[in-house]
Amino acid sequence: MLKQKFILCVLPLWEVAIALISSFSKFLLKLLLLTIHII
């Protein structure tokens, strides 16, 4: 029972973490492209 509650608590956090990582990687990619253009 406790394990199910733990999973239910962690799943939304996991989805948020994945969303943050994907948006951050896109941001880094744009930054990298800008840096290449400047150089």
N, C-alpha and C. Protein backbone atom coordinates (compact mmCIF):
# COMPACT_ATOMS: atom_id res chain seq x y z
N MET A 1 0.83 -1.20 0.00
CA MET A 1 0.00 0.00 0.00
C MET A 1 0.87 1.25 0.00
N LEU A 2 1.88 1.23 0.85
CA LEU A 2 2.77 2.39 0.95
C LEU A 2 3.52 2.60 -0.37
N LYS A 3 3.90 1.47 -1.00
CA LYS A 3 4.64 1.54 -2.26
C LYS A 3 3.80 2.22 -3.34
N GLN A 4 2.51 1.90 -3.40
CA GLN A 4 1.62 2.51 -4.40
C GLN A 4 1.54 4.02 -4.18
N LYS A 5 1.42 4.44 -2.93
CA LYS A 5 1.37 5.88 -2.63
C LYS A 5 2.66 6.56 -3.06
N PHE A 6 3.77 5.89 -2.79
CA PHE A 6 5.08 6.43 -3.15
C PHE A 6 5.17 6.63 -4.66
N ILE A 7 4.72 5.61 -5.42
CA ILE A 7 4.75 5.69 -6.88
C ILE A 7 3.86 6.83 -7.37
N LEU A 8 2.67 6.97 -6.77
CA LEU A 8 1.75 8.03 -7.17
C LEU A 8 2.34 9.40 -6.89
N CYS A 9 3.12 9.52 -5.83
CA CYS A 9 3.75 10.81 -5.51
C CYS A 9 4.91 11.10 -6.47
N VAL A 10 5.65 10.07 -6.83
CA VAL A 10 6.86 10.26 -7.63
C VAL A 10 6.56 10.49 -9.11
N LEU A 11 5.54 9.83 -9.65
CA LEU A 11 5.25 9.94 -11.08
C LEU A 11 5.07 11.38 -11.58
N PRO A 12 4.26 12.22 -10.94
CA PRO A 12 4.12 13.60 -11.41
C PRO A 12 5.45 14.35 -11.36
N LEU A 13 6.23 14.13 -10.32
CA LEU A 13 7.54 14.78 -10.20
C LEU A 13 8.45 14.35 -11.34
N TRP A 14 8.37 13.05 -11.69
CA TRP A 14 9.19 12.51 -12.77
C TRP A 14 8.83 13.18 -14.08
N GLU A 15 7.51 13.36 -14.32
CA GLU A 15 7.06 14.01 -15.56
C GLU A 15 7.53 15.46 -15.61
N VAL A 16 7.44 16.14 -14.48
CA VAL A 16 7.91 17.53 -14.41
C VAL A 16 9.41 17.60 -14.68
N ALA A 17 10.14 16.67 -14.10
CA ALA A 17 11.60 16.65 -14.30
C ALA A 17 11.94 16.43 -15.77
N ILE A 18 11.24 15.51 -16.42
CA ILE A 18 11.49 15.24 -17.84
C ILE A 18 11.18 16.48 -18.67
N ALA A 19 10.07 17.16 -18.36
CA ALA A 19 9.69 18.38 -19.10
C ALA A 19 10.77 19.45 -18.93
N LEU A 20 11.24 19.62 -17.69
CA LEU A 20 12.27 20.62 -17.43
C LEU A 20 13.56 20.30 -18.18
N ILE A 21 13.95 19.04 -18.16
CA ILE A 21 15.19 18.63 -18.83
C ILE A 21 15.09 18.85 -20.34
N SER A 22 13.93 18.51 -20.92
CA SER A 22 13.78 18.68 -22.38
C SER A 22 13.80 20.16 -22.76
N SER A 23 13.11 21.00 -21.97
CA SER A 23 13.10 22.42 -22.30
C SER A 23 14.49 23.03 -22.09
N PHE A 24 15.20 22.57 -21.06
CA PHE A 24 16.54 23.07 -20.78
C PHE A 24 17.51 22.67 -21.89
N SER A 25 17.36 21.43 -22.40
CA SER A 25 18.24 20.98 -23.48
C SER A 25 17.97 21.77 -24.75
N LYS A 26 16.69 22.10 -25.01
CA LYS A 26 16.37 22.94 -26.17
C LYS A 26 17.01 24.31 -26.03
N PHE A 27 16.95 24.86 -24.81
CA PHE A 27 17.56 26.16 -24.53
C PHE A 27 19.07 26.11 -24.77
N LEU A 28 19.71 25.04 -24.28
CA LEU A 28 21.15 24.88 -24.48
C LEU A 28 21.49 24.76 -25.95
N LEU A 29 20.65 24.06 -26.70
CA LEU A 29 20.89 23.91 -28.13
C LEU A 29 20.83 25.25 -28.84
N LYS A 30 19.83 26.07 -28.48
CA LYS A 30 19.72 27.41 -29.08
C LYS A 30 20.94 28.26 -28.72
N LEU A 31 21.36 28.16 -27.47
CA LEU A 31 22.52 28.92 -27.01
C LEU A 31 23.77 28.51 -27.79
N LEU A 32 23.91 27.20 -27.99
CA LEU A 32 25.05 26.66 -28.74
C LEU A 32 25.04 27.18 -30.17
N LEU A 33 23.86 27.17 -30.81
CA LEU A 33 23.74 27.65 -32.18
C LEU A 33 24.09 29.14 -32.26
N LEU A 34 23.62 29.92 -31.28
CA LEU A 34 23.93 31.35 -31.25
C LEU A 34 25.43 31.57 -31.10
N THR A 35 26.05 30.78 -30.23
CA THR A 35 27.49 30.90 -30.01
C THR A 35 28.26 30.59 -31.29
N ILE A 36 27.83 29.57 -32.00
CA ILE A 36 28.48 29.20 -33.26
C ILE A 36 28.34 30.33 -34.28
N HIS A 37 27.15 30.94 -34.33
CA HIS A 37 26.93 32.04 -35.26
C HIS A 37 27.80 33.26 -34.93
N ILE A 38 27.96 33.52 -33.63
CA ILE A 38 28.78 34.65 -33.20
C ILE A 38 30.25 34.40 -33.56
N ILE A 39 30.72 33.18 -33.32
CA ILE A 39 32.10 32.83 -33.65
C ILE A 39 32.20 32.65 -35.16
